[in-house]
């Protein structure tokens, strides 16, 4: 029978940044309890995905192969609106907006008083109305567009440090299942560990192997990052510091 089990366990604090973790690590384990398991396949969601994005793949793999599948909601996975994040202005965003408004002599908005999504939405509606007035009075060019920046506030008040906490979560989930295996193992031991990830998930798969190479046997990497060109800065999180009009 196919078993789907959700785990919520303690993971690790952020030693690099000296931040105490306040959330649990959540992952799903799928396996067929009638089989002797020969490998653990860890599916690592990419950007804008979570462990529910691969339910049918989890089921297919466990029905057709002697594998157990781990799918992980790693640290800061809720970084898109459909995954629980919300729009907000951080201090840099507020500085950018305030400077942009001053450049066109708009002083009707208290940018530093925007502390909720409702405030943000109302402020942008008001700004749009004021810009329209300036255009009607020929004080702004008709093609003018205000350039500013808005950030995502991740679900569970987590944060993005581009992979370290995420990779540690993936490894901790694998280690936990290996130490607390609910399924039958292949005779003779030596269970294999296979990581699959696409895009950001592929990057995390390679980072896991870099951190703990002895624990990973194979990596299936679909289109992970290879350099810092193009739009990669918007994913790292420092894009607006480099050029907020692009990232």
C-alpha atoms as a PDB file:
ATOM      1  CA  UNK A   1       0.000   0.000   0.000  1.00  0.00           C
ATOM      2  CA  UNK A   2       1.206   3.516  -0.793  1.00  0.00           C
ATOM      3  CA  UNK A   3       1.876   5.479   2.389  1.00  0.00           C
ATOM      4  CA  UNK A   4       1.999   9.281   2.537  1.00  0.00           C
ATOM      5  CA  UNK A   5       3.250  10.693   5.808  1.00  0.00           C
ATOM      6  CA  UNK A   6       3.889  14.325   6.751  1.00  0.00           C
ATOM      7  CA  UNK A   7       6.720  15.061   9.185  1.00  0.00           C
ATOM      8  CA  UNK A   8       7.310  18.241  11.168  1.00  0.00           C
ATOM      9  CA  UNK A   9      10.684  18.160  12.900  1.00  0.00           C
ATOM     10  CA  UNK A  10      13.293  20.439  14.418  1.00  0.00           C
ATOM     11  CA  UNK A  11      15.985  21.379  11.935  1.00  0.00           C
ATOM     12  CA  UNK A  12      18.867  23.749  12.673  1.00  0.00           C
ATOM     13  CA  UNK A  13      19.464  27.357  13.611  1.00  0.00           C
ATOM     14  CA  UNK A  14      21.274  29.710  11.257  1.00  0.00           C
ATOM     15  CA  UNK A  15      24.792  29.488  12.672  1.00  0.00           C
ATOM     16  CA  UNK A  16      26.196  31.565   9.817  1.00  0.00           C
ATOM     17  CA  UNK A  17      24.020  34.593  10.644  1.00  0.00           C
ATOM     18  CA  UNK A  18      23.511  33.716  14.337  1.00  0.00           C
ATOM     19  CA  UNK A  19      19.710  33.618  13.982  1.00  0.00           C
ATOM     20  CA  UNK A  20      17.555  31.336  16.146  1.00  0.00           C
ATOM     21  CA  UNK A  21      15.108  29.375  14.029  1.00  0.00           C
ATOM     22  CA  UNK A  22      11.468  29.786  14.947  1.00  0.00           C
ATOM     23  CA  UNK A  23       9.822  27.360  12.509  1.00  0.00           C
ATOM     24  CA  UNK A  24       9.679  23.597  12.036  1.00  0.00           C
ATOM     25  CA  UNK A  25      10.952  21.710   8.995  1.00  0.00           C
ATOM     26  CA  UNK A  26       8.061  20.064   7.151  1.00  0.00           C
ATOM     27  CA  UNK A  27       8.380  17.311   4.569  1.00  0.00           C
ATOM     28  CA  UNK A  28       6.368  14.447   3.080  1.00  0.00           C
ATOM     29  CA  UNK A  29       7.539  10.849   2.823  1.00  0.00           C
ATOM     30  CA  UNK A  30       5.886   8.559   0.253  1.00  0.00           C
ATOM     31  CA  UNK A  31       6.624   4.835  -0.005  1.00  0.00           C
ATOM     32  CA  UNK A  32       5.075   1.432  -0.701  1.00  0.00           C
ATOM     33  CA  UNK A  33       5.079  -0.587   2.523  1.00  0.00           C
ATOM     34  CA  UNK A  34       5.044  -3.861   0.558  1.00  0.00           C
ATOM     35  CA  UNK A  35       8.464  -3.207  -1.024  1.00  0.00           C
ATOM     36  CA  UNK A  36      12.038  -3.413   0.164  1.00  0.00           C
ATOM     37  CA  UNK A  37      13.339   0.086  -0.481  1.00  0.00           C
ATOM     38  CA  UNK A  38      16.550   0.366  -2.495  1.00  0.00           C
ATOM     39  CA  UNK A  39      16.863   4.156  -2.729  1.00  0.00           C
ATOM     40  CA  UNK A  40      15.622   7.423  -1.298  1.00  0.00           C
ATOM     41  CA  UNK A  41      14.648   9.945  -3.958  1.00  0.00           C
ATOM     42  CA  UNK A  42      14.560  13.488  -2.644  1.00  0.00           C
ATOM     43  CA  UNK A  43      12.580  15.878  -4.846  1.00  0.00           C
ATOM     44  CA  UNK A  44      13.628  19.478  -4.233  1.00  0.00           C
ATOM     45  CA  UNK A  45      11.053  22.092  -5.299  1.00  0.00           C
ATOM     46  CA  UNK A  46      12.283  25.055  -7.314  1.00  0.00           C
ATOM     47  CA  UNK A  47      11.273  28.679  -6.969  1.00  0.00           C
ATOM     48  CA  UNK A  48       7.498  29.222  -6.729  1.00  0.00           C
ATOM     49  CA  UNK A  49       6.938  25.525  -5.889  1.00  0.00           C
ATOM     50  CA  UNK A  50       6.431  23.538  -2.702  1.00  0.00           C
ATOM     51  CA  UNK A  51       6.131  19.870  -1.774  1.00  0.00           C
ATOM     52  CA  UNK A  52       2.548  19.743  -3.076  1.00  0.00           C
ATOM     53  CA  UNK A  53       3.764  20.493  -6.613  1.00  0.00           C
ATOM     54  CA  UNK A  54       5.003  16.925  -7.083  1.00  0.00           C
ATOM     55  CA  UNK A  55       2.316  14.737  -5.483  1.00  0.00           C
ATOM     56  CA  UNK A  56       1.678  12.758  -8.676  1.00  0.00           C
ATOM     57  CA  UNK A  57       5.384  12.236  -9.315  1.00  0.00           C
ATOM     58  CA  UNK A  58       5.838  10.984  -5.749  1.00  0.00           C
ATOM     59  CA  UNK A  59       3.017   8.508  -6.277  1.00  0.00           C
ATOM     60  CA  UNK A  60       4.289   7.365  -9.693  1.00  0.00           C
ATOM     61  CA  UNK A  61       7.827   6.719  -8.472  1.00  0.00           C
ATOM     62  CA  UNK A  62       6.766   4.734  -5.430  1.00  0.00           C
ATOM     63  CA  UNK A  63       4.299   2.599  -7.428  1.00  0.00           C
ATOM     64  CA  UNK A  64       6.778   1.723 -10.163  1.00  0.00           C
ATOM     65  CA  UNK A  65      10.128   1.540  -8.372  1.00  0.00           C
ATOM     66  CA  UNK A  66      11.556   0.342  -5.095  1.00  0.00           C
ATOM     67  CA  UNK A  67      12.094   3.853  -3.803  1.00  0.00           C
ATOM     68  CA  UNK A  68      10.904   6.099  -1.005  1.00  0.00           C
ATOM     69  CA  UNK A  69      10.312   9.723  -1.986  1.00  0.00           C
ATOM     70  CA  UNK A  70      10.975  12.728   0.221  1.00  0.00           C
ATOM     71  CA  UNK A  71       9.508  16.088  -0.778  1.00  0.00           C
ATOM     72  CA  UNK A  72      10.534  19.056   1.342  1.00  0.00           C
ATOM     73  CA  UNK A  73       9.125  22.416   2.338  1.00  0.00           C
ATOM     74  CA  UNK A  74      12.568  23.795   3.077  1.00  0.00           C
ATOM     75  CA  UNK A  75      13.353  27.074   4.845  1.00  0.00           C
ATOM     76  CA  UNK A  76      11.718  30.133   3.198  1.00  0.00           C
ATOM     77  CA  UNK A  77       9.812  28.064   0.644  1.00  0.00           C
ATOM     78  CA  UNK A  78       6.817  30.372   1.132  1.00  0.00           C
ATOM     79  CA  UNK A  79       8.388  33.159  -0.921  1.00  0.00           C
ATOM     80  CA  UNK A  80       5.605  33.733  -3.457  1.00  0.00           C
ATOM     81  CA  UNK A  81       2.043  35.038  -2.897  1.00  0.00           C
ATOM     82  CA  UNK A  82       0.456  31.691  -3.838  1.00  0.00           C
ATOM     83  CA  UNK A  83       2.716  30.026  -1.239  1.00  0.00           C
ATOM     84  CA  UNK A  84       1.830  32.407   1.582  1.00  0.00           C
ATOM     85  CA  UNK A  85       4.052  35.466   1.160  1.00  0.00           C
ATOM     86  CA  UNK A  86       2.730  39.029   1.075  1.00  0.00           C
ATOM     87  CA  UNK A  87       3.816  42.308  -0.506  1.00  0.00           C
ATOM     88  CA  UNK A  88       5.508  44.900   1.692  1.00  0.00           C
ATOM     89  CA  UNK A  89       8.080  47.694   1.691  1.00  0.00           C
ATOM     90  CA  UNK A  90      11.300  47.162   3.609  1.00  0.00           C
ATOM     91  CA  UNK A  91      13.545  50.086   4.582  1.00  0.00           C
ATOM     92  CA  UNK A  92      15.341  50.095   1.225  1.00  0.00           C
ATOM     93  CA  UNK A  93      12.040  49.935  -0.689  1.00  0.00           C
ATOM     94  CA  UNK A  94      10.739  52.904   1.308  1.00  0.00           C
ATOM     95  CA  UNK A  95      13.893  54.880   0.591  1.00  0.00           C
ATOM     96  CA  UNK A  96      13.580  54.133  -3.137  1.00  0.00           C
ATOM     97  CA  UNK A  97       9.910  55.156  -3.240  1.00  0.00           C
ATOM     98  CA  UNK A  98      10.495  58.285  -1.166  1.00  0.00           C
ATOM     99  CA  UNK A  99      13.385  59.373  -3.408  1.00  0.00           C
ATOM    100  CA  UNK A 100      11.372  58.687  -6.575  1.00  0.00           C
ATOM    101  CA  UNK A 101       8.441  60.774  -5.309  1.00  0.00           C
ATOM    102  CA  UNK A 102      10.686  63.661  -4.307  1.00  0.00           C
ATOM    103  CA  UNK A 103      12.218  63.612  -7.793  1.00  0.00           C
ATOM    104  CA  UNK A 104       8.821  64.593  -9.263  1.00  0.00           C
ATOM    105  CA  UNK A 105       7.950  66.858  -6.321  1.00  0.00           C
ATOM    106  CA  UNK A 106       5.183  64.638  -4.909  1.00  0.00           C
ATOM    107  CA  UNK A 107       4.955  65.163  -1.159  1.00  0.00           C
ATOM    108  CA  UNK A 108       1.450  63.898  -0.410  1.00  0.00           C
ATOM    109  CA  UNK A 109       2.500  60.383   0.667  1.00  0.00           C
ATOM    110  CA  UNK A 110       4.095  59.478   3.999  1.00  0.00           C
ATOM    111  CA  UNK A 111       6.177  56.607   2.655  1.00  0.00           C
ATOM    112  CA  UNK A 112       7.655  55.693   6.027  1.00  0.00           C
ATOM    113  CA  UNK A 113       4.154  55.274   7.438  1.00  0.00           C
ATOM    114  CA  UNK A 114       3.334  52.406   5.051  1.00  0.00           C
ATOM    115  CA  UNK A 115       3.288  49.383   7.359  1.00  0.00           C
ATOM    116  CA  UNK A 116       0.639  47.069   5.908  1.00  0.00           C
ATOM    117  CA  UNK A 117      -0.542  45.725   2.579  1.00  0.00           C
ATOM    118  CA  UNK A 118      -3.671  47.890   2.824  1.00  0.00           C
ATOM    119  CA  UNK A 119      -1.521  51.004   3.379  1.00  0.00           C
ATOM    120  CA  UNK A 120       0.655  50.005   0.441  1.00  0.00           C
ATOM    121  CA  UNK A 121      -2.290  49.456  -1.892  1.00  0.00           C
ATOM    122  CA  UNK A 122      -3.926  52.764  -0.922  1.00  0.00           C
ATOM    123  CA  UNK A 123      -0.625  54.620  -1.302  1.00  0.00           C
ATOM    124  CA  UNK A 124      -0.094  53.313  -4.826  1.00  0.00           C
ATOM    125  CA  UNK A 125      -3.647  54.244  -5.825  1.00  0.00           C
ATOM    126  CA  UNK A 126      -3.064  57.772  -4.496  1.00  0.00           C
ATOM    127  CA  UNK A 127       0.326  58.042  -6.231  1.00  0.00           C
ATOM    128  CA  UNK A 128      -1.232  56.936  -9.512  1.00  0.00           C
ATOM    129  CA  UNK A 129      -3.918  59.611  -9.179  1.00  0.00           C
ATOM    130  CA  UNK A 130      -1.372  62.335  -8.404  1.00  0.00           C
ATOM    131  CA  UNK A 131       0.831  61.351 -11.336  1.00  0.00           C
ATOM    132  CA  UNK A 132      -2.203  61.505 -13.610  1.00  0.00           C
ATOM    133  CA  UNK A 133      -2.885  65.066 -12.412  1.00  0.00           C
ATOM    134  CA  UNK A 134       0.709  66.079 -13.152  1.00  0.00           C
ATOM    135  CA  UNK A 135       0.397  64.670 -16.654  1.00  0.00           C
ATOM    136  CA  UNK A 136      -2.880  66.505 -17.273  1.00  0.00           C
ATOM    137  CA  UNK A 137      -1.198  69.729 -16.148  1.00  0.00           C
ATOM    138  CA  UNK A 138       1.743  68.958 -18.441  1.00  0.00           C
ATOM    139  CA  UNK A 139       4.129  68.836 -15.499  1.00  0.00           C
ATOM    140  CA  UNK A 140       5.160  65.295 -16.433  1.00  0.00           C
ATOM    141  CA  UNK A 141       5.705  63.662 -19.797  1.00  0.00           C
ATOM    142  CA  UNK A 142       2.746  61.529 -20.902  1.00  0.00           C
ATOM    143  CA  UNK A 143       4.962  58.427 -21.073  1.00  0.00           C
ATOM    144  CA  UNK A 144       6.363  58.885 -17.564  1.00  0.00           C
ATOM    145  CA  UNK A 145       6.321  55.822 -15.294  1.00  0.00           C
ATOM    146  CA  UNK A 146       7.346  55.881 -11.658  1.00  0.00           C
ATOM    147  CA  UNK A 147      10.040  53.294 -11.001  1.00  0.00           C
ATOM    148  CA  UNK A 148      10.020  51.802  -7.538  1.00  0.00           C
ATOM    149  CA  UNK A 149      10.456  48.461  -5.764  1.00  0.00           C
ATOM    150  CA  UNK A 150       8.274  46.163  -3.637  1.00  0.00           C
ATOM    151  CA  UNK A 151       9.431  43.083  -1.717  1.00  0.00           C
ATOM    152  CA  UNK A 152       7.862  39.794  -0.657  1.00  0.00           C
ATOM    153  CA  UNK A 153       7.507  39.063   3.060  1.00  0.00           C
ATOM    154  CA  UNK A 154       7.976  35.270   3.250  1.00  0.00           C
ATOM    155  CA  UNK A 155       5.524  32.995   5.024  1.00  0.00           C
ATOM    156  CA  UNK A 156       6.393  32.117   8.648  1.00  0.00           C
ATOM    157  CA  UNK A 157       8.610  35.219   8.836  1.00  0.00           C
ATOM    158  CA  UNK A 158      11.510  33.312   7.271  1.00  0.00           C
ATOM    159  CA  UNK A 159      14.192  34.758   5.020  1.00  0.00           C
ATOM    160  CA  UNK A 160      16.338  33.901   2.026  1.00  0.00           C
ATOM    161  CA  UNK A 161      20.090  33.414   2.427  1.00  0.00           C
ATOM    162  CA  UNK A 162      20.362  31.791  -0.985  1.00  0.00           C
ATOM    163  CA  UNK A 163      20.662  28.179  -0.067  1.00  0.00           C
ATOM    164  CA  UNK A 164      22.504  27.424   3.149  1.00  0.00           C
ATOM    165  CA  UNK A 165      19.471  26.971   5.412  1.00  0.00           C
ATOM    166  CA  UNK A 166      17.554  25.292   2.591  1.00  0.00           C
ATOM    167  CA  UNK A 167      20.326  22.774   1.914  1.00  0.00           C
ATOM    168  CA  UNK A 168      20.651  22.004   5.618  1.00  0.00           C
ATOM    169  CA  UNK A 169      16.901  21.339   5.792  1.00  0.00           C
ATOM    170  CA  UNK A 170      17.117  18.912   2.865  1.00  0.00           C
ATOM    171  CA  UNK A 171      20.023  17.040   4.431  1.00  0.00           C
ATOM    172  CA  UNK A 172      18.341  16.964   7.849  1.00  0.00           C
ATOM    173  CA  UNK A 173      15.190  15.444   6.331  1.00  0.00           C
ATOM    174  CA  UNK A 174      17.255  12.749   4.599  1.00  0.00           C
ATOM    175  CA  UNK A 175      19.263  11.990   7.744  1.00  0.00           C
ATOM    176  CA  UNK A 176      16.078  11.839   9.827  1.00  0.00           C
ATOM    177  CA  UNK A 177      14.449   9.249   7.559  1.00  0.00           C
ATOM    178  CA  UNK A 178      17.614   7.172   7.376  1.00  0.00           C
ATOM    179  CA  UNK A 179      17.762   7.111  11.172  1.00  0.00           C
ATOM    180  CA  UNK A 180      14.012   6.589  11.650  1.00  0.00           C
ATOM    181  CA  UNK A 181      13.079   4.512   8.631  1.00  0.00           C
ATOM    182  CA  UNK A 182       9.420   3.371   8.646  1.00  0.00           C
ATOM    183  CA  UNK A 183       9.894   1.138   5.586  1.00  0.00           C
ATOM    184  CA  UNK A 184      11.682  -2.132   4.844  1.00  0.00           C
ATOM    185  CA  UNK A 185      15.229  -1.700   3.584  1.00  0.00           C
ATOM    186  CA  UNK A 186      16.905  -3.693   0.842  1.00  0.00           C
ATOM    187  CA  UNK A 187      18.791  -6.674   2.255  1.00  0.00           C
ATOM    188  CA  UNK A 188      22.460  -5.956   2.685  1.00  0.00           C
ATOM    189  CA  UNK A 189      21.941  -2.250   3.404  1.00  0.00           C
ATOM    190  CA  UNK A 190      23.596   0.422   1.285  1.00  0.00           C
ATOM    191  CA  UNK A 191      20.451   2.383   0.450  1.00  0.00           C
ATOM    192  CA  UNK A 192      21.122   4.951  -2.277  1.00  0.00           C
ATOM    193  CA  UNK A 193      20.268   8.643  -2.055  1.00  0.00           C
ATOM    194  CA  UNK A 194      19.190  10.476  -5.220  1.00  0.00           C
ATOM    195  CA  UNK A 195      18.484  14.202  -5.377  1.00  0.00           C
ATOM    196  CA  UNK A 196      16.326  15.726  -8.092  1.00  0.00           C
ATOM    197  CA  UNK A 197      15.839  19.465  -8.492  1.00  0.00           C
ATOM    198  CA  UNK A 198      14.904  21.889 -11.219  1.00  0.00           C
ATOM    199  CA  UNK A 199      16.017  25.528 -11.421  1.00  0.00           C
ATOM    200  CA  UNK A 200      16.594  26.693  -7.828  1.00  0.00           C
ATOM    201  CA  UNK A 201      15.963  23.112  -6.677  1.00  0.00           C
ATOM    202  CA  UNK A 202      18.826  21.943  -8.893  1.00  0.00           C
ATOM    203  CA  UNK A 203      21.102  24.526  -7.318  1.00  0.00           C
ATOM    204  CA  UNK A 204      20.123  23.247  -3.857  1.00  0.00           C
ATOM    205  CA  UNK A 205      20.789  19.640  -4.897  1.00  0.00           C
ATOM    206  CA  UNK A 206      24.343  20.545  -5.866  1.00  0.00           C
ATOM    207  CA  UNK A 207      24.799  22.580  -2.694  1.00  0.00           C
ATOM    208  CA  UNK A 208      23.732  19.564  -0.605  1.00  0.00           C
ATOM    209  CA  UNK A 209      26.378  17.458  -2.327  1.00  0.00           C
ATOM    210  CA  UNK A 210      28.975  20.140  -1.668  1.00  0.00           C
ATOM    211  CA  UNK A 211      28.115  20.274   2.045  1.00  0.00           C
ATOM    212  CA  UNK A 212      27.784  16.498   2.626  1.00  0.00           C
ATOM    213  CA  UNK A 213      29.190  14.636  -0.416  1.00  0.00           C
ATOM    214  CA  UNK A 214      29.356  11.304   1.437  1.00  0.00           C
ATOM    215  CA  UNK A 215      25.563  11.287   1.844  1.00  0.00           C
ATOM    216  CA  UNK A 216      24.559  11.800  -1.816  1.00  0.00           C
ATOM    217  CA  UNK A 217      24.939   9.165  -4.552  1.00  0.00           C
ATOM    218  CA  UNK A 218      23.329  10.810  -7.589  1.00  0.00           C
ATOM    219  CA  UNK A 219      22.048  14.238  -8.632  1.00  0.00           C
ATOM    220  CA  UNK A 220      19.496  14.914 -11.365  1.00  0.00           C
ATOM    221  CA  UNK A 221      19.804  18.627 -12.117  1.00  0.00           C
ATOM    222  CA  UNK A 222      17.380  20.326 -14.478  1.00  0.00           C
ATOM    223  CA  UNK A 223      18.444  23.882 -15.408  1.00  0.00           C
ATOM    224  CA  UNK A 224      20.067  25.106 -12.202  1.00  0.00           C
ATOM    225  CA  UNK A 225      22.051  28.336 -12.033  1.00  0.00           C
ATOM    226  CA  UNK A 226      25.586  28.437 -13.452  1.00  0.00           C
ATOM    227  CA  UNK A 227      26.581  32.093 -13.101  1.00  0.00           C
ATOM    228  CA  UNK A 228      25.531  35.456 -11.688  1.00  0.00           C
ATOM    229  CA  UNK A 229      24.508  37.072 -14.961  1.00  0.00           C
ATOM    230  CA  UNK A 230      21.055  37.745 -16.354  1.00  0.00           C
ATOM    231  CA  UNK A 231      18.324  37.999 -13.722  1.00  0.00           C
ATOM    232  CA  UNK A 232      20.001  35.932 -11.013  1.00  0.00           C
ATOM    233  CA  UNK A 233      20.404  38.938  -8.695  1.00  0.00           C
ATOM    234  CA  UNK A 234      16.658  39.191  -8.177  1.00  0.00           C
ATOM    235  CA  UNK A 235      16.716  35.630  -6.827  1.00  0.00           C
ATOM    236  CA  UNK A 236      19.690  36.194  -4.550  1.00  0.00           C
ATOM    237  CA  UNK A 237      17.856  39.075  -2.925  1.00  0.00           C
ATOM    238  CA  UNK A 238      20.318  41.909  -3.528  1.00  0.00           C
ATOM    239  CA  UNK A 239      19.029  42.987  -6.924  1.00  0.00           C
ATOM    240  CA  UNK A 240      17.488  46.243  -5.776  1.00  0.00           C
ATOM    241  CA  UNK A 241      20.775  47.286  -4.154  1.00  0.00           C
ATOM    242  CA  UNK A 242      22.457  46.807  -7.544  1.00  0.00           C
ATOM    243  CA  UNK A 243      19.760  48.320  -9.787  1.00  0.00           C
ATOM    244  CA  UNK A 244      16.172  48.505  -8.518  1.00  0.00           C
ATOM    245  CA  UNK A 245      14.900  49.429 -11.998  1.00  0.00           C
ATOM    246  CA  UNK A 246      16.012  46.020 -13.338  1.00  0.00           C
ATOM    247  CA  UNK A 247      15.579  43.617 -10.415  1.00  0.00           C
END
